[in-house]
Amino acid sequence: MSAVALVYTLFGSREAATRIARQLVEERLAACANLLGEATSIYEWNGAVDTAAEVPVLFKTAPARRDALMARIAELHDYRVPAILALPVDAAHAAFARWVDDRTG
């Protein structure tokens, strides 16, 4: 089992992604967040296929904080049904895992 958990989500703007990522790091639910390059999402919503630009964000946290982080993202997110996914981590560098634990503990 890894000492690091990854949580992935998408936001509708870089501003929202930055604001929420900063807040979650300040709240110590995430040790850090990586805002990735703009992605194009194609999805079905309300019976129609749509396309939107979104900003993927990858959060790193301690496994014990993962569920609280996911719940808080859902509270802060402006999407009615945000994609919030916990990604499996097989291993983490020990020093990095300690840093994550220190930041979120």
PDB file of N, CA and C in Angstrom:
ATOM      1  N   MET A   1       0.835  -1.187   0.000  1.00  0.00           N
ATOM      2  CA  MET A   1       0.000   0.000   0.000  1.00  0.00           C
ATOM      3  C   MET A   1       0.876   1.245   0.000  1.00  0.00           C
ATOM      4  N   SER A   2       0.454   2.250  -0.749  1.00  0.00           N
ATOM      5  CA  SER A   2       1.215   3.483  -0.862  1.00  0.00           C
ATOM      6  C   SER A   2       0.868   4.436   0.271  1.00  0.00           C
ATOM      7  N   ALA A   3       1.784   5.328   0.568  1.00  0.00           N
ATOM      8  CA  ALA A   3       1.534   6.354   1.579  1.00  0.00           C
ATOM      9  C   ALA A   3       1.080   7.657   0.930  1.00  0.00           C
ATOM     10  N   VAL A   4       0.699   7.599  -0.352  1.00  0.00           N
ATOM     11  CA  VAL A   4       0.221   8.773  -1.074  1.00  0.00           C
ATOM     12  C   VAL A   4      -1.051   8.389  -1.819  1.00  0.00           C
ATOM     13  N   ALA A   5      -2.025   9.275  -1.809  1.00  0.00           N
ATOM     14  CA  ALA A   5      -3.247   9.091  -2.598  1.00  0.00           C
ATOM     15  C   ALA A   5      -3.329  10.213  -3.628  1.00  0.00           C
ATOM     16  N   LEU A   6      -3.798   9.877  -4.823  1.00  0.00           N
ATOM     17  CA  LEU A   6      -3.999  10.856  -5.881  1.00  0.00           C
ATOM     18  C   LEU A   6      -5.492  11.026  -6.124  1.00  0.00           C
ATOM     19  N   VAL A   7      -5.913  12.276  -6.262  1.00  0.00           N
ATOM     20  CA  VAL A   7      -7.310  12.581  -6.585  1.00  0.00           C
ATOM     21  C   VAL A   7      -7.300  13.488  -7.807  1.00  0.00           C
ATOM     22  N   TYR A   8      -8.086  13.109  -8.803  1.00  0.00           N
ATOM     23  CA  TYR A   8      -8.148  13.803 -10.085  1.00  0.00           C
ATOM     24  C   TYR A   8      -9.531  14.410 -10.264  1.00  0.00           C
ATOM     25  N   THR A   9      -9.557  15.637 -10.761  1.00  0.00           N
ATOM     26  CA  THR A   9     -10.828  16.264 -11.119  1.00  0.00           C
ATOM     27  C   THR A   9     -10.581  17.271 -12.236  1.00  0.00           C
ATOM     28  N   LEU A  10     -11.653  17.816 -12.767  1.00  0.00           N
ATOM     29  CA  LEU A  10     -11.583  18.822 -13.830  1.00  0.00           C
ATOM     30  C   LEU A  10     -12.409  20.032 -13.425  1.00  0.00           C
ATOM     31  N   PHE A  11     -11.938  21.204 -13.810  1.00  0.00           N
ATOM     32  CA  PHE A  11     -12.664  22.449 -13.556  1.00  0.00           C
ATOM     33  C   PHE A  11     -12.932  23.156 -14.878  1.00  0.00           C
ATOM     34  N   GLY A  12     -13.951  23.987 -14.886  1.00  0.00           N
ATOM     35  CA  GLY A  12     -14.343  24.690 -16.101  1.00  0.00           C
ATOM     36  C   GLY A  12     -13.482  25.883 -16.456  1.00  0.00           C
ATOM     37  N   SER A  13     -12.610  26.309 -15.533  1.00  0.00           N
ATOM     38  CA  SER A  13     -11.707  27.432 -15.823  1.00  0.00           C
ATOM     39  C   SER A  13     -10.438  27.300 -14.998  1.00  0.00           C
ATOM     40  N   ARG A  14      -9.373  27.912 -15.483  1.00  0.00           N
ATOM     41  CA  ARG A  14      -8.110  27.912 -14.750  1.00  0.00           C
ATOM     42  C   ARG A  14      -8.270  28.697 -13.444  1.00  0.00           C
ATOM     43  N   GLU A  15      -9.072  29.747 -13.466  1.00  0.00           N
ATOM     44  CA  GLU A  15      -9.296  30.544 -12.261  1.00  0.00           C
ATOM     45  C   GLU A  15      -9.946  29.702 -11.157  1.00  0.00           C
ATOM     46  N   ALA A  16     -10.979  28.959 -11.500  1.00  0.00           N
ATOM     47  CA  ALA A  16     -11.634  28.099 -10.504  1.00  0.00           C
ATOM     48  C   ALA A  16     -10.674  27.025 -10.013  1.00  0.00           C
ATOM     49  N   ALA A  17      -9.929  26.420 -10.919  1.00  0.00           N
ATOM     50  CA  ALA A  17      -8.970  25.376 -10.540  1.00  0.00           C
ATOM     51  C   ALA A  17      -7.920  25.928  -9.587  1.00  0.00           C
ATOM     52  N   THR A  18      -7.399  27.106  -9.884  1.00  0.00           N
ATOM     53  CA  THR A  18      -6.369  27.724  -9.044  1.00  0.00           C
ATOM     54  C   THR A  18      -6.928  28.084  -7.674  1.00  0.00           C
ATOM     55  N   ARG A  19      -8.086  28.697  -7.649  1.00  0.00           N
ATOM     56  CA  ARG A  19      -8.703  29.126  -6.388  1.00  0.00           C
ATOM     57  C   ARG A  19      -8.980  27.936  -5.470  1.00  0.00           C
ATOM     58  N   ILE A  20      -9.583  26.897  -6.026  1.00  0.00           N
ATOM     59  CA  ILE A  20      -9.944  25.741  -5.203  1.00  0.00           C
ATOM     60  C   ILE A  20      -8.708  24.938  -4.810  1.00  0.00           C
ATOM     61  N   ALA A  21      -7.767  24.784  -5.708  1.00  0.00           N
ATOM     62  CA  ALA A  21      -6.532  24.064  -5.372  1.00  0.00           C
ATOM     63  C   ALA A  21      -5.796  24.774  -4.239  1.00  0.00           C
ATOM     64  N   ARG A  22      -5.671  26.075  -4.333  1.00  0.00           N
ATOM     65  CA  ARG A  22      -5.010  26.847  -3.268  1.00  0.00           C
ATOM     66  C   ARG A  22      -5.737  26.670  -1.933  1.00  0.00           C
ATOM     67  N   GLN A  23      -7.063  26.736  -1.956  1.00  0.00           N
ATOM     68  CA  GLN A  23      -7.844  26.595  -0.733  1.00  0.00           C
ATOM     69  C   GLN A  23      -7.635  25.212  -0.103  1.00  0.00           C
ATOM     70  N   LEU A  24      -7.617  24.163  -0.916  1.00  0.00           N
ATOM     71  CA  LEU A  24      -7.463  22.813  -0.387  1.00  0.00           C
ATOM     72  C   LEU A  24      -6.063  22.575   0.179  1.00  0.00           C
ATOM     73  N   VAL A  25      -5.056  23.206  -0.417  1.00  0.00           N
ATOM     74  CA  VAL A  25      -3.701  23.119   0.153  1.00  0.00           C
ATOM     75  C   VAL A  25      -3.664  23.900   1.462  1.00  0.00           C
ATOM     76  N   GLU A  26      -4.257  25.089   1.487  1.00  0.00           N
ATOM     77  CA  GLU A  26      -4.293  25.871   2.727  1.00  0.00           C
ATOM     78  C   GLU A  26      -5.053  25.147   3.831  1.00  0.00           C
ATOM     79  N   GLU A  27      -6.099  24.403   3.473  1.00  0.00           N
ATOM     80  CA  GLU A  27      -6.863  23.633   4.451  1.00  0.00           C
ATOM     81  C   GLU A  27      -6.154  22.330   4.842  1.00  0.00           C
ATOM     82  N   ARG A  28      -5.035  22.057   4.229  1.00  0.00           N
ATOM     83  CA  ARG A  28      -4.209  20.867   4.488  1.00  0.00           C
ATOM     84  C   ARG A  28      -4.906  19.563   4.129  1.00  0.00           C
ATOM     85  N   LEU A  29      -5.866  19.634   3.221  1.00  0.00           N
ATOM     86  CA  LEU A  29      -6.475  18.421   2.697  1.00  0.00           C
ATOM     87  C   LEU A  29      -5.634  17.835   1.571  1.00  0.00           C
ATOM     88  N   ALA A  30      -4.858  18.687   0.918  1.00  0.00           N
ATOM     89  CA  ALA A  30      -3.938  18.250  -0.134  1.00  0.00           C
ATOM     90  C   ALA A  30      -2.565  18.832   0.161  1.00  0.00           C
ATOM     91  N   ALA A  31      -1.545  18.040  -0.116  1.00  0.00           N
ATOM     92  CA  ALA A  31      -0.179  18.537   0.043  1.00  0.00           C
ATOM     93  C   ALA A  31       0.177  19.462  -1.116  1.00  0.00           C
ATOM     94  N   CYS A  32      -0.307  19.114  -2.297  1.00  0.00           N
ATOM     95  CA  CYS A  32      -0.080  19.955  -3.464  1.00  0.00           C
ATOM     96  C   CYS A  32      -1.100  19.601  -4.533  1.00  0.00           C
ATOM     97  N   ALA A  33      -1.179  20.457  -5.529  1.00  0.00           N
ATOM     98  CA  ALA A  33      -2.086  20.244  -6.645  1.00  0.00           C
ATOM     99  C   ALA A  33      -1.365  20.634  -7.924  1.00  0.00           C
ATOM    100  N   ASN A  34      -1.482  19.805  -8.934  1.00  0.00           N
ATOM    101  CA  ASN A  34      -0.912  20.110 -10.243  1.00  0.00           C
ATOM    102  C   ASN A  34      -2.034  20.487 -11.191  1.00  0.00           C
ATOM    103  N   LEU A  35      -2.030  21.723 -11.664  1.00  0.00           N
ATOM    104  CA  LEU A  35      -2.974  22.161 -12.679  1.00  0.00           C
ATOM    105  C   LEU A  35      -2.351  21.826 -14.018  1.00  0.00           C
ATOM    106  N   LEU A  36      -3.002  20.955 -14.762  1.00  0.00           N
ATOM    107  CA  LEU A  36      -2.464  20.488 -16.029  1.00  0.00           C
ATOM    108  C   LEU A  36      -2.956  21.379 -17.155  1.00  0.00           C
ATOM    109  N   GLY A  37      -2.458  21.143 -18.353  1.00  0.00           N
ATOM    110  CA  GLY A  37      -2.862  21.935 -19.503  1.00  0.00           C
ATOM    111  C   GLY A  37      -4.327  21.749 -19.840  1.00  0.00           C
ATOM    112  N   GLU A  38      -4.894  22.717 -20.527  1.00  0.00           N
ATOM    113  CA  GLU A  38      -6.312  22.668 -20.885  1.00  0.00           C
ATOM    114  C   GLU A  38      -6.611  21.390 -21.661  1.00  0.00           C
ATOM    115  N   ALA A  39      -7.726  20.773 -21.339  1.00  0.00           N
ATOM    116  CA  ALA A  39      -8.178  19.556 -22.013  1.00  0.00           C
ATOM    117  C   ALA A  39      -9.517  19.826 -22.683  1.00  0.00           C
ATOM    118  N   THR A  40      -9.772  19.126 -23.757  1.00  0.00           N
ATOM    119  CA  THR A  40     -11.068  19.189 -24.400  1.00  0.00           C
ATOM    120  C   THR A  40     -11.860  17.967 -23.964  1.00  0.00           C
ATOM    121  N   SER A  41     -13.007  18.195 -23.372  1.00  0.00           N
ATOM    122  CA  SER A  41     -13.869  17.105 -22.929  1.00  0.00           C
ATOM    123  C   SER A  41     -15.080  17.014 -23.846  1.00  0.00           C
ATOM    124  N   ILE A  42     -15.426  15.786 -24.221  1.00  0.00           N
ATOM    125  CA  ILE A  42     -16.613  15.515 -25.020  1.00  0.00           C
ATOM    126  C   ILE A  42     -17.482  14.593 -24.173  1.00  0.00           C
ATOM    127  N   TYR A  43     -18.716  15.006 -23.939  1.00  0.00           N
ATOM    128  CA  TYR A  43     -19.570  14.275 -23.001  1.00  0.00           C
ATOM    129  C   TYR A  43     -21.035  14.464 -23.372  1.00  0.00           C
ATOM    130  N   GLU A  44     -21.873  13.560 -22.855  1.00  0.00           N
ATOM    131  CA  GLU A  44     -23.318  13.676 -23.032  1.00  0.00           C
ATOM    132  C   GLU A  44     -23.909  14.260 -21.766  1.00  0.00           C
ATOM    133  N   TRP A  45     -24.733  15.287 -21.908  1.00  0.00           N
ATOM    134  CA  TRP A  45     -25.388  15.925 -20.765  1.00  0.00           C
ATOM    135  C   TRP A  45     -26.766  16.385 -21.200  1.00  0.00           C
ATOM    136  N   ASN A  46     -27.771  16.012 -20.457  1.00  0.00           N
ATOM    137  CA  ASN A  46     -29.157  16.396 -20.751  1.00  0.00           C
ATOM    138  C   ASN A  46     -29.573  16.014 -22.164  1.00  0.00           C
ATOM    139  N   GLY A  47     -29.155  14.835 -22.616  1.00  0.00           N
ATOM    140  CA  GLY A  47     -29.581  14.321 -23.901  1.00  0.00           C
ATOM    141  C   GLY A  47     -28.823  14.830 -25.109  1.00  0.00           C
ATOM    142  N   ALA A  48     -27.804  15.644 -24.909  1.00  0.00           N
ATOM    143  CA  ALA A  48     -27.039  16.173 -26.036  1.00  0.00           C
ATOM    144  C   ALA A  48     -25.541  15.946 -25.810  1.00  0.00           C
ATOM    145  N   VAL A  49     -24.825  15.711 -26.891  1.00  0.00           N
ATOM    146  CA  VAL A  49     -23.374  15.599 -26.817  1.00  0.00           C
ATOM    147  C   VAL A  49     -22.802  17.005 -26.887  1.00  0.00           C
ATOM    148  N   ASP A  50     -21.908  17.316 -25.953  1.00  0.00           N
ATOM    149  CA  ASP A  50     -21.341  18.659 -25.860  1.00  0.00           C
ATOM    150  C   ASP A  50     -19.823  18.567 -25.792  1.00  0.00           C
ATOM    151  N   THR A  51     -19.169  19.674 -26.017  1.00  0.00           N
ATOM    152  CA  THR A  51     -17.715  19.792 -25.942  1.00  0.00           C
ATOM    153  C   THR A  51     -17.390  21.000 -25.081  1.00  0.00           C
ATOM    154  N   ALA A  52     -16.387  20.853 -24.196  1.00  0.00           N
ATOM    155  CA  ALA A  52     -15.993  21.971 -23.337  1.00  0.00           C
ATOM    156  C   ALA A  52     -14.501  21.908 -23.058  1.00  0.00           C
ATOM    157  N   ALA A  53     -13.929  23.087 -22.864  1.00  0.00           N
ATOM    158  CA  ALA A  53     -12.538  23.177 -22.410  1.00  0.00           C
ATOM    159  C   ALA A  53     -12.548  23.063 -20.889  1.00  0.00           C
ATOM    160  N   GLU A  54     -11.677  22.226 -20.341  1.00  0.00           N
ATOM    161  CA  GLU A  54     -11.593  22.041 -18.904  1.00  0.00           C
ATOM    162  C   GLU A  54     -10.137  22.007 -18.475  1.00  0.00           C
ATOM    163  N   VAL A  55      -9.911  22.232 -17.183  1.00  0.00           N
ATOM    164  CA  VAL A  55      -8.568  22.209 -16.610  1.00  0.00           C
ATOM    165  C   VAL A  55      -8.475  21.017 -15.658  1.00  0.00           C
ATOM    166  N   PRO A  56      -7.696  19.995 -16.010  1.00  0.00           N
ATOM    167  CA  PRO A  56      -7.510  18.859 -15.112  1.00  0.00           C
ATOM    168  C   PRO A  56      -6.596  19.241 -13.950  1.00  0.00           C
ATOM    169  N   VAL A  57      -6.927  18.734 -12.759  1.00  0.00           N
ATOM    170  CA  VAL A  57      -6.105  18.976 -11.574  1.00  0.00           C
ATOM    171  C   VAL A  57      -5.855  17.635 -10.889  1.00  0.00           C
ATOM    172  N   LEU A  58      -4.604  17.419 -10.516  1.00  0.00           N
ATOM    173  CA  LEU A  58      -4.195  16.216  -9.806  1.00  0.00           C
ATOM    174  C   LEU A  58      -3.736  16.625  -8.412  1.00  0.00           C
ATOM    175  N   PHE A  59      -4.461  16.156  -7.400  1.00  0.00           N
ATOM    176  CA  PHE A  59      -4.143  16.456  -6.003  1.00  0.00           C
ATOM    177  C   PHE A  59      -3.380  15.292  -5.389  1.00  0.00           C
ATOM    178  N   LYS A  60      -2.405  15.599  -4.541  1.00  0.00           N
ATOM    179  CA  LYS A  60      -1.692  14.581  -3.777  1.00  0.00           C
ATOM    180  C   LYS A  60      -2.023  14.772  -2.307  1.00  0.00           C
ATOM    181  N   THR A  61      -2.380  13.666  -1.655  1.00  0.00           N
ATOM    182  CA  THR A  61      -2.764  13.725  -0.256  1.00  0.00           C
ATOM    183  C   THR A  61      -2.374  12.429   0.436  1.00  0.00           C
ATOM    184  N   ALA A  62      -2.541  12.397   1.746  1.00  0.00           N
ATOM    185  CA  ALA A  62      -2.335  11.161   2.506  1.00  0.00           C
ATOM    186  C   ALA A  62      -3.572  10.282   2.319  1.00  0.00           C
ATOM    187  N   PRO A  63      -3.395   8.965   2.262  1.00  0.00           N
ATOM    188  CA  PRO A  63      -4.550   8.079   2.092  1.00  0.00           C
ATOM    189  C   PRO A  63      -5.656   8.327   3.120  1.00  0.00           C
ATOM    190  N   ALA A  64      -5.305   8.653   4.343  1.00  0.00           N
ATOM    191  CA  ALA A  64      -6.311   8.898   5.384  1.00  0.00           C
ATOM    192  C   ALA A  64      -7.114  10.168   5.118  1.00  0.00           C
ATOM    193  N   ARG A  65      -6.606  11.062   4.279  1.00  0.00           N
ATOM    194  CA  ARG A  65      -7.295  12.326   3.983  1.00  0.00           C
ATOM    195  C   ARG A  65      -8.041  12.291   2.643  1.00  0.00           C
ATOM    196  N   ARG A  66      -7.890  11.197   1.895  1.00  0.00           N
ATOM    197  CA  ARG A  66      -8.452  11.113   0.545  1.00  0.00           C
ATOM    198  C   ARG A  66      -9.953  11.379   0.515  1.00  0.00           C
ATOM    199  N   ASP A  67     -10.724  10.699   1.331  1.00  0.00           N
ATOM    200  CA  ASP A  67     -12.182  10.851   1.283  1.00  0.00           C
ATOM    201  C   ASP A  67     -12.620  12.255   1.691  1.00  0.00           C
ATOM    202  N   ALA A  68     -11.947  12.838   2.676  1.00  0.00           N
ATOM    203  CA  ALA A  68     -12.275  14.208   3.086  1.00  0.00           C
ATOM    204  C   ALA A  68     -11.946  15.184   1.959  1.00  0.00           C
ATOM    205  N   LEU A  69     -10.833  14.952   1.267  1.00  0.00           N
ATOM    206  CA  LEU A  69     -10.466  15.800   0.133  1.00  0.00           C
ATOM    207  C   LEU A  69     -11.518  15.696  -0.964  1.00  0.00           C
ATOM    208  N   MET A  70     -11.936  14.486  -1.292  1.00  0.00           N
ATOM    209  CA  MET A  70     -12.935  14.300  -2.340  1.00  0.00           C
ATOM    210  C   MET A  70     -14.262  14.975  -1.969  1.00  0.00           C
ATOM    211  N   ALA A  71     -14.659  14.861  -0.722  1.00  0.00           N
ATOM    212  CA  ALA A  71     -15.902  15.497  -0.272  1.00  0.00           C
ATOM    213  C   ALA A  71     -15.799  17.014  -0.350  1.00  0.00           C
ATOM    214  N   ARG A  72     -14.655  17.551   0.026  1.00  0.00           N
ATOM    215  CA  ARG A  72     -14.480  19.012   0.005  1.00  0.00           C
ATOM    216  C   ARG A  72     -14.445  19.537  -1.428  1.00  0.00           C
ATOM    217  N   ILE A  73     -13.800  18.805  -2.328  1.00  0.00           N
ATOM    218  CA  ILE A  73     -13.821  19.204  -3.739  1.00  0.00           C
ATOM    219  C   ILE A  73     -15.269  19.283  -4.219  1.00  0.00           C
ATOM    220  N   ALA A  74     -16.067  18.284  -3.884  1.00  0.00           N
ATOM    221  CA  ALA A  74     -17.474  18.278  -4.297  1.00  0.00           C
ATOM    222  C   ALA A  74     -18.220  19.484  -3.738  1.00  0.00           C
ATOM    223  N   GLU A  75     -17.936  19.875  -2.483  1.00  0.00           N
ATOM    224  CA  GLU A  75     -18.581  21.043  -1.877  1.00  0.00           C
ATOM    225  C   GLU A  75     -18.224  22.332  -2.602  1.00  0.00           C
ATOM    226  N   LEU A  76     -16.960  22.464  -2.990  1.00  0.00           N
ATOM    227  CA  LEU A  76     -16.470  23.710  -3.579  1.00  0.00           C
ATOM    228  C   LEU A  76     -16.690  23.804  -5.086  1.00  0.00           C
ATOM    229  N   HIS A  77     -16.877  22.679  -5.726  1.00  0.00           N
ATOM    230  CA  HIS A  77     -16.948  22.623  -7.187  1.00  0.00           C
ATOM    231  C   HIS A  77     -18.210  23.302  -7.692  1.00  0.00           C
ATOM    232  N   ASP A  78     -18.097  23.951  -8.852  1.00  0.00           N
ATOM    233  CA  ASP A  78     -19.266  24.613  -9.413  1.00  0.00           C
ATOM    234  C   ASP A  78     -20.049  23.713 -10.374  1.00  0.00           C
ATOM    235  N   TYR A  79     -19.569  22.504 -10.647  1.00  0.00           N
ATOM    236  CA  TYR A  79     -20.331  21.550 -11.447  1.00  0.00           C
ATOM    237  C   TYR A  79     -21.346  20.843 -10.555  1.00  0.00           C
ATOM    238  N   ARG A  80     -22.489  20.549 -11.086  1.00  0.00           N
ATOM    239  CA  ARG A  80     -23.497  19.795 -10.341  1.00  0.00           C
ATOM    240  C   ARG A  80     -23.042  18.353 -10.119  1.00  0.00           C
ATOM    241  N   VAL A  81     -22.372  17.764 -11.127  1.00  0.00           N
ATOM    242  CA  VAL A  81     -21.879  16.385 -11.033  1.00  0.00           C
ATOM    243  C   VAL A  81     -20.408  16.376 -11.454  1.00  0.00           C
ATOM    244  N   PRO A  82     -19.504  16.813 -10.579  1.00  0.00           N
ATOM    245  CA  PRO A  82     -18.088  16.839 -10.961  1.00  0.00           C
ATOM    246  C   PRO A  82     -17.488  15.432 -10.985  1.00  0.00           C
ATOM    247  N   ALA A  83     -16.574  15.218 -11.910  1.00  0.00           N
ATOM    248  CA  ALA A  83     -15.795  13.978 -11.930  1.00  0.00           C
ATOM    249  C   ALA A  83     -14.697  14.135 -10.876  1.00  0.00           C
ATOM    250  N   ILE A  84     -14.767  13.339  -9.829  1.00  0.00           N
ATOM    251  CA  ILE A  84     -13.765  13.358  -8.768  1.00  0.00           C
ATOM    252  C   ILE A  84     -13.335  11.910  -8.585  1.00  0.00           C
ATOM    253  N   LEU A  85     -12.117  11.610  -8.978  1.00  0.00           N
ATOM    254  CA  LEU A  85     -11.661  10.228  -9.035  1.00  0.00           C
ATOM    255  C   LEU A  85     -10.430  10.013  -8.178  1.00  0.00           C
ATOM    256  N   ALA A  86     -10.429   8.953  -7.382  1.00  0.00           N
ATOM    257  CA  ALA A  86      -9.230   8.539  -6.652  1.00  0.00           C
ATOM    258  C   ALA A  86      -8.480   7.571  -7.558  1.00  0.00           C
ATOM    259  N   LEU A  87      -7.210   7.867  -7.803  1.00  0.00           N
ATOM    260  CA  LEU A  87      -6.391   7.037  -8.681  1.00  0.00           C
ATOM    261  C   LEU A  87      -5.493   6.131  -7.850  1.00  0.00           C
ATOM    262  N   PRO A  88      -5.300   4.891  -8.290  1.00  0.00           N
ATOM    263  CA  PRO A  88      -4.443   3.979  -7.522  1.00  0.00           C
ATOM    264  C   PRO A  88      -2.974   4.383  -7.603  1.00  0.00           C
ATOM    265  N   VAL A  89      -2.292   4.229  -6.481  1.00  0.00           N
ATOM    266  CA  VAL A  89      -0.848   4.477  -6.411  1.00  0.00           C
ATOM    267  C   VAL A  89      -0.218   3.212  -5.850  1.00  0.00           C
ATOM    268  N   ASP A  90       0.634   2.587  -6.622  1.00  0.00           N
ATOM    269  CA  ASP A  90       1.278   1.349  -6.169  1.00  0.00           C
ATOM    270  C   ASP A  90       2.432   1.622  -5.226  1.00  0.00           C
ATOM    271  N   ALA A  91       3.134   2.714  -5.443  1.00  0.00           N
ATOM    272  CA  ALA A  91       4.296   3.024  -4.617  1.00  0.00           C
ATOM    273  C   ALA A  91       4.579   4.514  -4.697  1.00  0.00           C
ATOM    274  N   ALA A  92       5.258   5.010  -3.689  1.00  0.00           N
ATOM    275  CA  ALA A  92       5.676   6.417  -3.664  1.00  0.00           C
ATOM    276  C   ALA A  92       7.071   6.485  -3.068  1.00  0.00           C
ATOM    277  N   HIS A  93       7.865   7.407  -3.548  1.00  0.00           N
ATOM    278  CA  HIS A  93       9.189   7.637  -2.979  1.00  0.00           C
ATOM    279  C   HIS A  93       9.014   7.984  -1.506  1.00  0.00           C
ATOM    280  N   ALA A  94       9.769   7.356  -0.641  1.00  0.00           N
ATOM    281  CA  ALA A  94       9.579   7.494   0.805  1.00  0.00           C
ATOM    282  C   ALA A  94       9.657   8.943   1.277  1.00  0.00           C
ATOM    283  N   ALA A  95      10.622   9.694   0.785  1.00  0.00           N
ATOM    284  CA  ALA A  95      10.763  11.085   1.220  1.00  0.00           C
ATOM    285  C   ALA A  95       9.559  11.912   0.782  1.00  0.00           C
ATOM    286  N   PHE A  96       9.067  11.667  -0.413  1.00  0.00           N
ATOM    287  CA  PHE A  96       7.898  12.391  -0.890  1.00  0.00           C
ATOM    288  C   PHE A  96       6.669  12.012  -0.075  1.00  0.00           C
ATOM    289  N   ALA A  97       6.503  10.738   0.211  1.00  0.00           N
ATOM    290  CA  ALA A  97       5.366  10.286   1.016  1.00  0.00           C
ATOM    291  C   ALA A  97       5.393  10.925   2.399  1.00  0.00           C
ATOM    292  N   ARG A  98       6.581  11.051   2.997  1.00  0.00           N
ATOM    293  CA  ARG A  98       6.691  11.722   4.305  1.00  0.00           C
ATOM    294  C   ARG A  98       6.301  13.184   4.187  1.00  0.00           C
ATOM    295  N   TRP A  99       6.729  13.846   3.115  1.00  0.00           N
ATOM    296  CA  TRP A  99       6.385  15.249   2.896  1.00  0.00           C
ATOM    297  C   TRP A  99       4.869  15.408   2.768  1.00  0.00           C
ATOM    298  N   VAL A 100       4.233  14.542   1.991  1.00  0.00           N
ATOM    299  CA  VAL A 100       2.776  14.592   1.829  1.00  0.00           C
ATOM    300  C   VAL A 100       2.110  14.419   3.194  1.00  0.00           C
ATOM    301  N   ASP A 101       2.575  13.448   3.958  1.00  0.00           N
ATOM    302  CA  ASP A 101       1.999  13.206   5.280  1.00  0.00           C
ATOM    303  C   ASP A 101       2.194  14.416   6.203  1.00  0.00           C
ATOM    304  N   ASP A 102       3.359  15.024   6.147  1.00  0.00           N
ATOM    305  CA  ASP A 102       3.625  16.218   6.975  1.00  0.00           C
ATOM    306  C   ASP A 102       2.699  17.377   6.583  1.00  0.00           C
ATOM    307  N   ARG A 103       2.449  17.545   5.302  1.00  0.00           N
ATOM    308  CA  ARG A 103       1.627  18.666   4.832  1.00  0.00           C
ATOM    309  C   ARG A 103       0.155  18.466   5.120  1.00  0.00           C
ATOM    310  N   THR A 104      -0.302  17.220   5.229  1.00  0.00           N
ATOM    311  CA  THR A 104      -1.731  16.956   5.387  1.00  0.00           C
ATOM    312  C   THR A 104      -2.091  16.411   6.756  1.00  0.00           C
ATOM    313  N   GLY A 105      -1.089  16.168   7.590  1.00  0.00           N
ATOM    314  CA  GLY A 105      -1.329  15.562   8.900  1.00  0.00           C
ATOM    315  C   GLY A 105      -1.767  16.549   9.952  1.00  0.00           C
TER     316      GLY A 105
END
